[in-house]
Amino acid sequence: MSKADRRSKNNPQLNANGELTHLLSTEGLPREVLTHILDTAASFMEVSERDVKKVPLLRGKSVFNLFFENSTRTRTTFEIAAKRLSADVINLDITRSSTAKGETLLDTIDNLCAMHADMFVVRHATSGAPYLIAEHLARVGRDDIHVVNAGDGRHAHPTQGLLDMYTIRHYKKDFHNLTVAIVGDILHSRVARSDIHALNTLGAGEVRAIGPQTLLPTQMEKLGVRVFHDFDEGLKGCDVVIMLRLQNERMNGALLPSAREYFRHYGLTPERLALAKPDAIVMHPGPMNRGVEIDSDVADGKQAVILPQVTFGIAVRMAVMSIVAGN
């Protein structure tokens, strides 16, 4: 029986044994799978402290980074993670690749398969592109190749969601009594969606979505969140505050009056942060827009864990790649 035959019918990310073979979304992943990734990442944190920061888990494997959208943190940390696992890393320069000459996404994938790729790390502006690639690989009998979603359109950014969960667990230990606020442009945020699914699966006490009506999806309550349009009200009693940037590149039409006006109503200042619990942590997936969604005094303050998120991201991406490659 091939791997394709053993694939879970309910979730294309899992095989019939419930093991992770692709990471496409945090949605639909069981708690045990999420916890296994976080526990594995914790073991890799020690590797980053060594003089020689390498383990041989992906030695001889070829990891192709396919970034059809701009990225700094995600692309760099994926490359570092793969190299620390001893993989050969190939960064495809999309602007100079044949996709710029009209080659389709799946034709590009087929050509890279012919170059003996073992894993694709994919960022794409189109929601669902990594799913399309995973389905195509199954269809052509290449279930030995794994796909990791590094962000697709507005849909999902699972490794960012996982590193956010790792950060919360690192500082707060347990999810069950936590109140977590996600603030800002949730409408266009794939990070927010990945965070919400993961937080609910891991049993967070309450997840709050805070933002202007124009920047929140309709019927958000169906995702298991409590909606606030008043920032001050939504911040009260929070243990974790996740700030999101305004994704102007994805906005159509005038959803906001101005950046200055937005900061006045939804910018996280020290005064506002005081409404949350005294030991609340402040997170941000980056890139930050200081003076728009977050004040520099908060971003650089003692409650911010924004740079540790980046460090944890390497260990989380090492964990994801080593787990999918082993299944």
C-alpha atoms as a PDB file:
ATOM      1  CA  MET A   1       0.000   0.000   0.000  1.00  0.00           C
ATOM      2  CA  SER A   2       1.445   3.385  -1.019  1.00  0.00           C
ATOM      3  CA  LYS A   3       1.693   6.405   1.224  1.00  0.00           C
ATOM      4  CA  ALA A   4      -1.031   8.008  -0.892  1.00  0.00           C
ATOM      5  CA  ASP A   5      -3.371   5.121  -0.079  1.00  0.00           C
ATOM      6  CA  ARG A   6      -2.571   5.517   3.608  1.00  0.00           C
ATOM      7  CA  ARG A   7      -3.203   9.257   3.652  1.00  0.00           C
ATOM      8  CA  SER A   8      -5.882  10.432   6.069  1.00  0.00           C
ATOM      9  CA  LYS A   9      -9.111  11.037   4.151  1.00  0.00           C
ATOM     10  CA  ASN A  10     -10.087  13.829   6.545  1.00  0.00           C
ATOM     11  CA  ASN A  11      -6.849  15.772   6.580  1.00  0.00           C
ATOM     12  CA  PRO A  12      -4.321  15.892   3.709  1.00  0.00           C
ATOM     13  CA  GLN A  13      -1.596  16.797   6.221  1.00  0.00           C
ATOM     14  CA  LEU A  14      -1.799  13.459   8.034  1.00  0.00           C
ATOM     15  CA  ASN A  15      -1.272   9.864   6.985  1.00  0.00           C
ATOM     16  CA  ALA A  16      -3.635   7.078   8.075  1.00  0.00           C
ATOM     17  CA  ASN A  17      -1.663   6.703  11.316  1.00  0.00           C
ATOM     18  CA  GLY A  18      -2.345  10.352  12.144  1.00  0.00           C
ATOM     19  CA  GLU A  19       1.292  11.349  11.538  1.00  0.00           C
ATOM     20  CA  LEU A  20       2.242  14.696  10.003  1.00  0.00           C
ATOM     21  CA  THR A  21       3.500  14.396   6.407  1.00  0.00           C
ATOM     22  CA  HIS A  22       2.867  18.001   5.278  1.00  0.00           C
ATOM     23  CA  LEU A  23       2.288  21.128   7.354  1.00  0.00           C
ATOM     24  CA  LEU A  24      -0.359  23.153   5.545  1.00  0.00           C
ATOM     25  CA  SER A  25      -2.436  24.680   8.357  1.00  0.00           C
ATOM     26  CA  THR A  26      -2.934  24.513  12.120  1.00  0.00           C
ATOM     27  CA  GLU A  27      -6.647  24.019  11.414  1.00  0.00           C
ATOM     28  CA  GLY A  28      -7.725  20.441  11.937  1.00  0.00           C
ATOM     29  CA  LEU A  29      -4.487  19.272  13.534  1.00  0.00           C
ATOM     30  CA  PRO A  30      -5.092  17.250  16.728  1.00  0.00           C
ATOM     31  CA  ARG A  31      -3.747  18.548  20.027  1.00  0.00           C
ATOM     32  CA  GLU A  32      -1.269  15.630  20.210  1.00  0.00           C
ATOM     33  CA  VAL A  33       0.316  16.671  16.889  1.00  0.00           C
ATOM     34  CA  LEU A  34       0.641  20.309  17.962  1.00  0.00           C
ATOM     35  CA  THR A  35       2.096  19.297  21.328  1.00  0.00           C
ATOM     36  CA  HIS A  36       4.544  16.890  19.655  1.00  0.00           C
ATOM     37  CA  ILE A  37       5.846  19.744  17.473  1.00  0.00           C
ATOM     38  CA  LEU A  38       6.231  22.052  20.493  1.00  0.00           C
ATOM     39  CA  ASP A  39       7.973  19.349  22.540  1.00  0.00           C
ATOM     40  CA  THR A  40      10.333  18.550  19.652  1.00  0.00           C
ATOM     41  CA  ALA A  41      11.102  22.256  19.242  1.00  0.00           C
ATOM     42  CA  ALA A  42      12.016  22.456  22.933  1.00  0.00           C
ATOM     43  CA  SER A  43      14.617  19.731  22.383  1.00  0.00           C
ATOM     44  CA  PHE A  44      16.102  21.718  19.471  1.00  0.00           C
ATOM     45  CA  MET A  45      16.509  24.886  21.551  1.00  0.00           C
ATOM     46  CA  GLU A  46      19.562  23.253  23.113  1.00  0.00           C
ATOM     47  CA  VAL A  47      21.153  22.759  19.660  1.00  0.00           C
ATOM     48  CA  SER A  48      21.111  26.523  19.102  1.00  0.00           C
ATOM     49  CA  GLU A  49      23.161  27.027  22.273  1.00  0.00           C
ATOM     50  CA  ARG A  50      26.016  24.809  21.069  1.00  0.00           C
ATOM     51  CA  ASP A  51      29.242  25.930  19.421  1.00  0.00           C
ATOM     52  CA  VAL A  52      28.445  23.561  16.539  1.00  0.00           C
ATOM     53  CA  LYS A  53      24.770  24.175  15.822  1.00  0.00           C
ATOM     54  CA  LYS A  54      24.084  21.087  13.694  1.00  0.00           C
ATOM     55  CA  VAL A  55      22.347  17.728  13.936  1.00  0.00           C
ATOM     56  CA  PRO A  56      22.383  15.185  11.079  1.00  0.00           C
ATOM     57  CA  LEU A  57      18.628  14.497  10.827  1.00  0.00           C
ATOM     58  CA  LEU A  58      18.220  15.790   7.240  1.00  0.00           C
ATOM     59  CA  ARG A  59      21.728  15.014   5.962  1.00  0.00           C
ATOM     60  CA  GLY A  60      21.599  14.351   2.223  1.00  0.00           C
ATOM     61  CA  LYS A  61      18.078  15.802   1.877  1.00  0.00           C
ATOM     62  CA  SER A  62      17.319  18.711  -0.461  1.00  0.00           C
ATOM     63  CA  VAL A  63      15.013  21.450   0.851  1.00  0.00           C
ATOM     64  CA  PHE A  64      13.748  23.937  -1.742  1.00  0.00           C
ATOM     65  CA  ASN A  65      12.608  27.349  -0.471  1.00  0.00           C
ATOM     66  CA  LEU A  66       9.959  28.668  -2.871  1.00  0.00           C
ATOM     67  CA  PHE A  67       9.057  32.194  -1.784  1.00  0.00           C
ATOM     68  CA  PHE A  68       6.674  33.850  -4.238  1.00  0.00           C
ATOM     69  CA  GLU A  69       6.205  36.727  -1.759  1.00  0.00           C
ATOM     70  CA  ASN A  70       8.703  38.880   0.121  1.00  0.00           C
ATOM     71  CA  SER A  71       9.974  37.628   3.466  1.00  0.00           C
ATOM     72  CA  THR A  72      12.793  38.318   5.908  1.00  0.00           C
ATOM     73  CA  ARG A  73      12.218  36.399   9.149  1.00  0.00           C
ATOM     74  CA  THR A  74      10.371  33.389   7.730  1.00  0.00           C
ATOM     75  CA  ARG A  75      12.689  32.731   4.789  1.00  0.00           C
ATOM     76  CA  THR A  76      15.852  33.273   6.808  1.00  0.00           C
ATOM     77  CA  THR A  77      14.772  31.163   9.780  1.00  0.00           C
ATOM     78  CA  PHE A  78      13.618  28.330   7.492  1.00  0.00           C
ATOM     79  CA  GLU A  79      17.022  28.383   5.816  1.00  0.00           C
ATOM     80  CA  ILE A  80      18.844  28.404   9.159  1.00  0.00           C
ATOM     81  CA  ALA A  81      16.599  25.607  10.465  1.00  0.00           C
ATOM     82  CA  ALA A  82      17.198  23.377   7.427  1.00  0.00           C
ATOM     83  CA  LYS A  83      20.956  23.952   7.569  1.00  0.00           C
ATOM     84  CA  ARG A  84      21.045  23.134  11.286  1.00  0.00           C
ATOM     85  CA  LEU A  85      19.369  19.837  10.372  1.00  0.00           C
ATOM     86  CA  SER A  86      22.241  19.334   7.840  1.00  0.00           C
ATOM     87  CA  ALA A  87      19.986  19.593   4.762  1.00  0.00           C
ATOM     88  CA  ASP A  88      21.083  21.006   1.413  1.00  0.00           C
ATOM     89  CA  VAL A  89      19.090  24.217   0.967  1.00  0.00           C
ATOM     90  CA  ILE A  90      18.180  25.633  -2.433  1.00  0.00           C
ATOM     91  CA  ASN A  91      16.635  29.107  -2.504  1.00  0.00           C
ATOM     92  CA  LEU A  92      14.737  29.576  -5.758  1.00  0.00           C
ATOM     93  CA  ASP A  93      14.952  33.165  -6.988  1.00  0.00           C
ATOM     94  CA  ILE A  94      11.364  33.512  -8.149  1.00  0.00           C
ATOM     95  CA  THR A  95      11.904  36.850  -9.944  1.00  0.00           C
ATOM     96  CA  ARG A  96      14.554  35.190 -12.136  1.00  0.00           C
ATOM     97  CA  SER A  97      12.881  31.774 -12.397  1.00  0.00           C
ATOM     98  CA  SER A  98      10.772  30.456 -15.271  1.00  0.00           C
ATOM     99  CA  THR A  99       7.584  31.397 -13.397  1.00  0.00           C
ATOM    100  CA  ALA A 100       8.442  34.953 -14.454  1.00  0.00           C
ATOM    101  CA  LYS A 101       8.328  33.630 -18.052  1.00  0.00           C
ATOM    102  CA  GLY A 102       4.846  32.177 -17.632  1.00  0.00           C
ATOM    103  CA  GLU A 103       5.605  28.683 -16.314  1.00  0.00           C
ATOM    104  CA  THR A 104       2.771  27.387 -14.127  1.00  0.00           C
ATOM    105  CA  LEU A 105       3.272  26.629 -10.455  1.00  0.00           C
ATOM    106  CA  LEU A 106       2.785  22.879 -10.940  1.00  0.00           C
ATOM    107  CA  ASP A 107       5.159  22.757 -13.918  1.00  0.00           C
ATOM    108  CA  THR A 108       7.763  24.429 -11.717  1.00  0.00           C
ATOM    109  CA  ILE A 109       7.101  21.805  -9.027  1.00  0.00           C
ATOM    110  CA  ASP A 110       7.434  18.947 -11.548  1.00  0.00           C
ATOM    111  CA  ASN A 111      10.788  20.279 -12.714  1.00  0.00           C
ATOM    112  CA  LEU A 112      12.065  20.593  -9.149  1.00  0.00           C
ATOM    113  CA  CYS A 113      10.863  17.043  -8.434  1.00  0.00           C
ATOM    114  CA  ALA A 114      13.030  15.942 -11.358  1.00  0.00           C
ATOM    115  CA  MET A 115      15.947  17.560  -9.513  1.00  0.00           C
ATOM    116  CA  HIS A 116      15.319  15.160  -6.589  1.00  0.00           C
ATOM    117  CA  ALA A 117      13.698  17.579  -4.168  1.00  0.00           C
ATOM    118  CA  ASP A 118      12.770  16.120  -0.776  1.00  0.00           C
ATOM    119  CA  MET A 119      10.844  19.061   0.678  1.00  0.00           C
ATOM    120  CA  PHE A 120       9.233  22.279  -0.512  1.00  0.00           C
ATOM    121  CA  VAL A 121       8.866  25.279   1.796  1.00  0.00           C
ATOM    122  CA  VAL A 122       6.279  27.444   0.045  1.00  0.00           C
ATOM    123  CA  ARG A 123       5.123  31.029   0.472  1.00  0.00           C
ATOM    124  CA  HIS A 124       2.544  32.173  -2.047  1.00  0.00           C
ATOM    125  CA  ALA A 125       0.132  35.085  -2.463  1.00  0.00           C
ATOM    126  CA  THR A 126      -2.672  32.690  -3.433  1.00  0.00           C
ATOM    127  CA  SER A 127      -4.588  31.013  -0.617  1.00  0.00           C
ATOM    128  CA  GLY A 128      -4.446  27.245  -1.010  1.00  0.00           C
ATOM    129  CA  ALA A 129      -1.278  27.065  -3.143  1.00  0.00           C
ATOM    130  CA  PRO A 130       0.544  24.672  -0.725  1.00  0.00           C
ATOM    131  CA  TYR A 131      -2.557  22.406  -0.658  1.00  0.00           C
ATOM    132  CA  LEU A 132      -2.535  22.392  -4.463  1.00  0.00           C
ATOM    133  CA  ILE A 133       1.124  21.318  -4.471  1.00  0.00           C
ATOM    134  CA  ALA A 134       0.548  18.574  -1.867  1.00  0.00           C
ATOM    135  CA  GLU A 135      -2.441  17.217  -3.829  1.00  0.00           C
ATOM    136  CA  HIS A 136      -0.439  17.287  -7.040  1.00  0.00           C
ATOM    137  CA  LEU A 137       2.454  15.384  -5.464  1.00  0.00           C
ATOM    138  CA  ALA A 138       0.027  12.710  -4.229  1.00  0.00           C
ATOM    139  CA  ARG A 139      -1.571  12.508  -7.671  1.00  0.00           C
ATOM    140  CA  VAL A 140       1.770  11.956  -9.453  1.00  0.00           C
ATOM    141  CA  GLY A 141       2.910   9.415  -6.867  1.00  0.00           C
ATOM    142  CA  ARG A 142       5.505  11.588  -5.153  1.00  0.00           C
ATOM    143  CA  ASP A 143       4.399  11.149  -1.558  1.00  0.00           C
ATOM    144  CA  ASP A 144       8.048  10.990  -0.587  1.00  0.00           C
ATOM    145  CA  ILE A 145       8.195  14.779  -1.038  1.00  0.00           C
ATOM    146  CA  HIS A 146       6.874  16.960   1.787  1.00  0.00           C
ATOM    147  CA  VAL A 147       5.300  20.422   1.715  1.00  0.00           C
ATOM    148  CA  VAL A 148       5.560  23.043   4.440  1.00  0.00           C
ATOM    149  CA  ASN A 149       3.368  26.131   4.149  1.00  0.00           C
ATOM    150  CA  ALA A 150       5.341  29.306   4.894  1.00  0.00           C
ATOM    151  CA  GLY A 151       2.259  31.493   4.388  1.00  0.00           C
ATOM    152  CA  ASP A 152      -0.457  31.402   1.701  1.00  0.00           C
ATOM    153  CA  GLY A 153      -2.476  34.524   0.938  1.00  0.00           C
ATOM    154  CA  ARG A 154      -4.829  35.387   3.792  1.00  0.00           C
ATOM    155  CA  HIS A 155      -5.316  31.724   4.622  1.00  0.00           C
ATOM    156  CA  ALA A 156      -2.656  30.323   6.952  1.00  0.00           C
ATOM    157  CA  HIS A 157       0.853  30.702   8.344  1.00  0.00           C
ATOM    158  CA  PRO A 158       1.162  27.534  10.431  1.00  0.00           C
ATOM    159  CA  THR A 159       4.802  27.790  11.502  1.00  0.00           C
ATOM    160  CA  GLN A 160       4.209  31.342  12.761  1.00  0.00           C
ATOM    161  CA  GLY A 161       1.158  30.051  14.631  1.00  0.00           C
ATOM    162  CA  LEU A 162       3.259  27.259  16.130  1.00  0.00           C
ATOM    163  CA  LEU A 163       6.112  29.531  17.169  1.00  0.00           C
ATOM    164  CA  ASP A 164       3.530  31.817  18.771  1.00  0.00           C
ATOM    165  CA  MET A 165       2.183  28.814  20.708  1.00  0.00           C
ATOM    166  CA  TYR A 166       5.731  27.879  21.706  1.00  0.00           C
ATOM    167  CA  THR A 167       6.332  31.442  22.954  1.00  0.00           C
ATOM    168  CA  ILE A 168       3.111  31.468  24.980  1.00  0.00           C
ATOM    169  CA  ARG A 169       3.846  28.060  26.472  1.00  0.00           C
ATOM    170  CA  HIS A 170       7.430  29.097  27.289  1.00  0.00           C
ATOM    171  CA  TYR A 171       6.336  32.145  29.280  1.00  0.00           C
ATOM    172  CA  LYS A 172       2.926  31.049  30.580  1.00  0.00           C
ATOM    173  CA  LYS A 173       3.384  27.226  30.880  1.00  0.00           C
ATOM    174  CA  ASP A 174      -0.297  26.301  30.519  1.00  0.00           C
ATOM    175  CA  PHE A 175      -2.945  27.494  28.043  1.00  0.00           C
ATOM    176  CA  HIS A 176      -6.068  26.622  29.975  1.00  0.00           C
ATOM    177  CA  ASN A 177      -6.583  29.746  32.081  1.00  0.00           C
ATOM    178  CA  LEU A 178      -5.151  32.226  29.608  1.00  0.00           C
ATOM    179  CA  THR A 179      -6.933  35.160  28.011  1.00  0.00           C
ATOM    180  CA  VAL A 180      -5.260  35.928  24.681  1.00  0.00           C
ATOM    181  CA  ALA A 181      -6.007  39.066  22.651  1.00  0.00           C
ATOM    182  CA  ILE A 182      -5.233  39.273  18.928  1.00  0.00           C
ATOM    183  CA  VAL A 183      -5.343  42.909  17.877  1.00  0.00           C
ATOM    184  CA  GLY A 184      -5.520  44.748  14.576  1.00  0.00           C
ATOM    185  CA  ASP A 185      -5.905  43.770  10.932  1.00  0.00           C
ATOM    186  CA  ILE A 186      -7.333  40.300  11.451  1.00  0.00           C
ATOM    187  CA  LEU A 187      -9.248  40.438   8.150  1.00  0.00           C
ATOM    188  CA  HIS A 188      -6.048  40.137   6.099  1.00  0.00           C
ATOM    189  CA  SER A 189      -3.987  38.159   8.625  1.00  0.00           C
ATOM    190  CA  ARG A 190      -3.043  34.533   7.967  1.00  0.00           C
ATOM    191  CA  VAL A 191      -1.161  34.622  11.285  1.00  0.00           C
ATOM    192  CA  ALA A 192      -4.359  35.442  13.198  1.00  0.00           C
ATOM    193  CA  ARG A 193      -6.178  32.485  11.639  1.00  0.00           C
ATOM    194  CA  SER A 194      -3.351  30.073  12.457  1.00  0.00           C
ATOM    195  CA  ASP A 195      -3.106  31.423  16.009  1.00  0.00           C
ATOM    196  CA  ILE A 196      -6.863  31.162  16.627  1.00  0.00           C
ATOM    197  CA  HIS A 197      -7.069  27.539  15.442  1.00  0.00           C
ATOM    198  CA  ALA A 198      -4.020  26.524  17.489  1.00  0.00           C
ATOM    199  CA  LEU A 199      -5.137  28.367  20.645  1.00  0.00           C
ATOM    200  CA  ASN A 200      -8.570  26.741  20.548  1.00  0.00           C
ATOM    201  CA  THR A 201      -7.093  23.284  19.954  1.00  0.00           C
ATOM    202  CA  LEU A 202      -4.633  23.731  22.836  1.00  0.00           C
ATOM    203  CA  GLY A 203      -7.475  24.770  25.144  1.00  0.00           C
ATOM    204  CA  ALA A 204      -6.860  28.487  25.718  1.00  0.00           C
ATOM    205  CA  GLY A 205      -9.297  29.969  28.252  1.00  0.00           C
ATOM    206  CA  GLU A 206     -10.513  32.820  26.029  1.00  0.00           C
ATOM    207  CA  VAL A 207      -9.381  34.154  22.665  1.00  0.00           C
ATOM    208  CA  ARG A 208     -10.309  37.758  21.896  1.00  0.00           C
ATOM    209  CA  ALA A 209     -10.283  39.466  18.498  1.00  0.00           C
ATOM    210  CA  ILE A 210      -9.906  43.245  18.801  1.00  0.00           C
ATOM    211  CA  GLY A 211     -10.092  45.702  15.919  1.00  0.00           C
ATOM    212  CA  PRO A 212     -12.254  48.072  13.906  1.00  0.00           C
ATOM    213  CA  GLN A 213     -15.244  46.490  12.208  1.00  0.00           C
ATOM    214  CA  THR A 214     -13.701  47.091   8.771  1.00  0.00           C
ATOM    215  CA  LEU A 215     -10.661  44.950   9.693  1.00  0.00           C
ATOM    216  CA  LEU A 216     -12.443  41.982  11.281  1.00  0.00           C
ATOM    217  CA  PRO A 217     -13.965  39.125   9.251  1.00  0.00           C
ATOM    218  CA  THR A 218     -17.710  38.673   9.572  1.00  0.00           C
ATOM    219  CA  GLN A 219     -19.013  35.972  11.921  1.00  0.00           C
ATOM    220  CA  MET A 220     -15.715  35.700  13.783  1.00  0.00           C
ATOM    221  CA  GLU A 221     -17.538  34.245  16.761  1.00  0.00           C
ATOM    222  CA  LYS A 222     -17.883  31.010  14.758  1.00  0.00           C
ATOM    223  CA  LEU A 223     -14.089  30.634  15.042  1.00  0.00           C
ATOM    224  CA  GLY A 224     -14.455  30.474  18.819  1.00  0.00           C
ATOM    225  CA  VAL A 225     -13.368  34.016  19.632  1.00  0.00           C
ATOM    226  CA  ARG A 226     -14.910  36.924  21.508  1.00  0.00           C
ATOM    227  CA  VAL A 227     -15.027  40.123  19.445  1.00  0.00           C
ATOM    228  CA  PHE A 228     -14.233  43.620  20.756  1.00  0.00           C
ATOM    229  CA  HIS A 229     -14.210  46.874  18.816  1.00  0.00           C
ATOM    230  CA  ASP A 230     -13.146  48.879  21.894  1.00  0.00           C
ATOM    231  CA  PHE A 231      -9.412  48.225  22.404  1.00  0.00           C
ATOM    232  CA  ASP A 232      -9.356  49.309  26.048  1.00  0.00           C
ATOM    233  CA  GLU A 233     -12.274  47.046  26.929  1.00  0.00           C
ATOM    234  CA  GLY A 234     -10.764  44.089  25.086  1.00  0.00           C
ATOM    235  CA  LEU A 235      -7.369  44.435  26.791  1.00  0.00           C
ATOM    236  CA  LYS A 236      -8.696  44.191  30.344  1.00  0.00           C
ATOM    237  CA  GLY A 237      -7.345  41.139  32.135  1.00  0.00           C
ATOM    238  CA  CYS A 238      -5.370  39.751  29.180  1.00  0.00           C
ATOM    239  CA  ASP A 239      -2.376  37.452  29.735  1.00  0.00           C
ATOM    240  CA  VAL A 240      -1.103  37.639  26.152  1.00  0.00           C
ATOM    241  CA  VAL A 241      -1.418  40.464  23.600  1.00  0.00           C
ATOM    242  CA  ILE A 242      -0.599  39.638  19.970  1.00  0.00           C
ATOM    243  CA  MET A 243      -0.329  42.774  17.829  1.00  0.00           C
ATOM    244  CA  LEU A 244      -0.733  42.620  14.041  1.00  0.00           C
ATOM    245  CA  ARG A 245       0.470  45.073  11.416  1.00  0.00           C
ATOM    246  CA  LEU A 246      -1.822  46.764   8.921  1.00  0.00           C
ATOM    247  CA  GLN A 247      -1.456  44.798   5.696  1.00  0.00           C
ATOM    248  CA  ASN A 248      -1.833  47.716   3.313  1.00  0.00           C
ATOM    249  CA  GLU A 249      -0.653  45.568   0.389  1.00  0.00           C
ATOM    250  CA  ARG A 250      -3.757  43.358   0.749  1.00  0.00           C
ATOM    251  CA  MET A 251      -6.293  46.132   1.325  1.00  0.00           C
ATOM    252  CA  ASN A 252      -8.779  47.161  -1.328  1.00  0.00           C
ATOM    253  CA  GLY A 253     -10.497  50.495  -0.748  1.00  0.00           C
ATOM    254  CA  ALA A 254     -10.458  52.837   2.221  1.00  0.00           C
ATOM    255  CA  LEU A 255     -10.735  50.556   5.255  1.00  0.00           C
ATOM    256  CA  LEU A 256      -8.995  53.086   7.530  1.00  0.00           C
ATOM    257  CA  PRO A 257      -9.008  56.876   7.875  1.00  0.00           C
ATOM    258  CA  SER A 258      -5.204  57.193   8.453  1.00  0.00           C
ATOM    259  CA  ALA A 259      -2.289  55.524  10.236  1.00  0.00           C
ATOM    260  CA  ARG A 260      -2.305  58.274  12.868  1.00  0.00           C
ATOM    261  CA  GLU A 261      -6.013  57.819  13.522  1.00  0.00           C
ATOM    262  CA  TYR A 262      -5.524  54.045  13.728  1.00  0.00           C
ATOM    263  CA  PHE A 263      -2.763  54.440  16.321  1.00  0.00           C
ATOM    264  CA  ARG A 264      -5.023  56.696  18.399  1.00  0.00           C
ATOM    265  CA  HIS A 265      -7.673  53.961  18.629  1.00  0.00           C
ATOM    266  CA  TYR A 266      -5.727  50.693  18.257  1.00  0.00           C
ATOM    267  CA  GLY A 267      -2.061  51.441  18.918  1.00  0.00           C
ATOM    268  CA  LEU A 268      -0.576  49.613  21.917  1.00  0.00           C
ATOM    269  CA  THR A 269       0.897  52.224  24.260  1.00  0.00           C
ATOM    270  CA  PRO A 270       2.297  51.714  27.784  1.00  0.00           C
ATOM    271  CA  GLU A 271      -0.903  53.280  29.168  1.00  0.00           C
ATOM    272  CA  ARG A 272      -3.071  50.811  27.283  1.00  0.00           C
ATOM    273  CA  LEU A 273      -0.870  47.849  28.163  1.00  0.00           C
ATOM    274  CA  ALA A 274      -1.448  48.671  31.841  1.00  0.00           C
ATOM    275  CA  LEU A 275      -5.067  47.530  31.337  1.00  0.00           C
ATOM    276  CA  ALA A 276      -3.836  43.969  30.756  1.00  0.00           C
ATOM    277  CA  LYS A 277      -2.451  41.821  33.565  1.00  0.00           C
ATOM    278  CA  PRO A 278       0.813  43.106  35.090  1.00  0.00           C
ATOM    279  CA  ASP A 279       2.702  40.045  33.804  1.00  0.00           C
ATOM    280  CA  ALA A 280       1.108  40.097  30.329  1.00  0.00           C
ATOM    281  CA  ILE A 281       3.442  39.416  27.412  1.00  0.00           C
ATOM    282  CA  VAL A 282       3.368  41.339  24.126  1.00  0.00           C
ATOM    283  CA  MET A 283       3.947  39.521  20.840  1.00  0.00           C
ATOM    284  CA  HIS A 284       4.185  40.559  17.186  1.00  0.00           C
ATOM    285  CA  PRO A 285       4.798  38.381  14.099  1.00  0.00           C
ATOM    286  CA  GLY A 286       6.734  41.162  12.368  1.00  0.00           C
ATOM    287  CA  PRO A 287       7.430  43.267  10.493  1.00  0.00           C
ATOM    288  CA  MET A 288       6.446  45.909  13.041  1.00  0.00           C
ATOM    289  CA  ASN A 289       5.181  49.349  12.122  1.00  0.00           C
ATOM    290  CA  ARG A 290       6.214  51.444  15.109  1.00  0.00           C
ATOM    291  CA  GLY A 291       3.839  54.283  15.819  1.00  0.00           C
ATOM    292  CA  VAL A 292       1.028  52.568  13.886  1.00  0.00           C
ATOM    293  CA  GLU A 293       0.023  49.406  15.789  1.00  0.00           C
ATOM    294  CA  ILE A 294       2.644  49.526  18.546  1.00  0.00           C
ATOM    295  CA  ASP A 295       4.508  52.213  20.470  1.00  0.00           C
ATOM    296  CA  SER A 296       8.312  51.888  20.600  1.00  0.00           C
ATOM    297  CA  ASP A 297       8.223  52.007  24.398  1.00  0.00           C
ATOM    298  CA  VAL A 298       6.128  48.828  24.341  1.00  0.00           C
ATOM    299  CA  ALA A 299       8.020  47.117  21.503  1.00  0.00           C
ATOM    300  CA  ASP A 300      11.312  47.638  23.345  1.00  0.00           C
ATOM    301  CA  GLY A 301       9.857  47.232  26.834  1.00  0.00           C
ATOM    302  CA  LYS A 302      10.273  44.464  29.384  1.00  0.00           C
ATOM    303  CA  GLN A 303       6.913  42.816  28.584  1.00  0.00           C
ATOM    304  CA  ALA A 304       7.705  42.419  24.864  1.00  0.00           C
ATOM    305  CA  VAL A 305       8.872  38.955  23.745  1.00  0.00           C
ATOM    306  CA  ILE A 306       9.079  39.820  20.048  1.00  0.00           C
ATOM    307  CA  LEU A 307      12.756  38.938  19.536  1.00  0.00           C
ATOM    308  CA  PRO A 308      12.498  35.656  21.495  1.00  0.00           C
ATOM    309  CA  GLN A 309       9.685  34.736  19.068  1.00  0.00           C
ATOM    310  CA  VAL A 310      12.216  34.907  16.227  1.00  0.00           C
ATOM    311  CA  THR A 311      14.685  32.706  18.132  1.00  0.00           C
ATOM    312  CA  PHE A 312      11.968  30.168  18.967  1.00  0.00           C
ATOM    313  CA  GLY A 313      10.947  30.200  15.303  1.00  0.00           C
ATOM    314  CA  ILE A 314      14.176  28.470  14.280  1.00  0.00           C
ATOM    315  CA  ALA A 315      13.614  25.582  16.725  1.00  0.00           C
ATOM    316  CA  VAL A 316       9.937  25.270  15.720  1.00  0.00           C
ATOM    317  CA  ARG A 317      10.824  25.125  12.010  1.00  0.00           C
ATOM    318  CA  MET A 318      13.532  22.551  12.748  1.00  0.00           C
ATOM    319  CA  ALA A 319      10.900  20.493  14.561  1.00  0.00           C
ATOM    320  CA  VAL A 320       8.365  20.712  11.722  1.00  0.00           C
ATOM    321  CA  MET A 321      10.863  19.761   9.007  1.00  0.00           C
ATOM    322  CA  SER A 322      12.367  16.876  10.982  1.00  0.00           C
ATOM    323  CA  ILE A 323       8.902  15.479  11.849  1.00  0.00           C
ATOM    324  CA  VAL A 324       7.421  15.609   8.328  1.00  0.00           C
ATOM    325  CA  ALA A 325      10.625  14.218   6.795  1.00  0.00           C
ATOM    326  CA  GLY A 326      10.453  11.273   9.192  1.00  0.00           C
ATOM    327  CA  ASN A 327       6.895  10.371   8.187  1.00  0.00           C
END
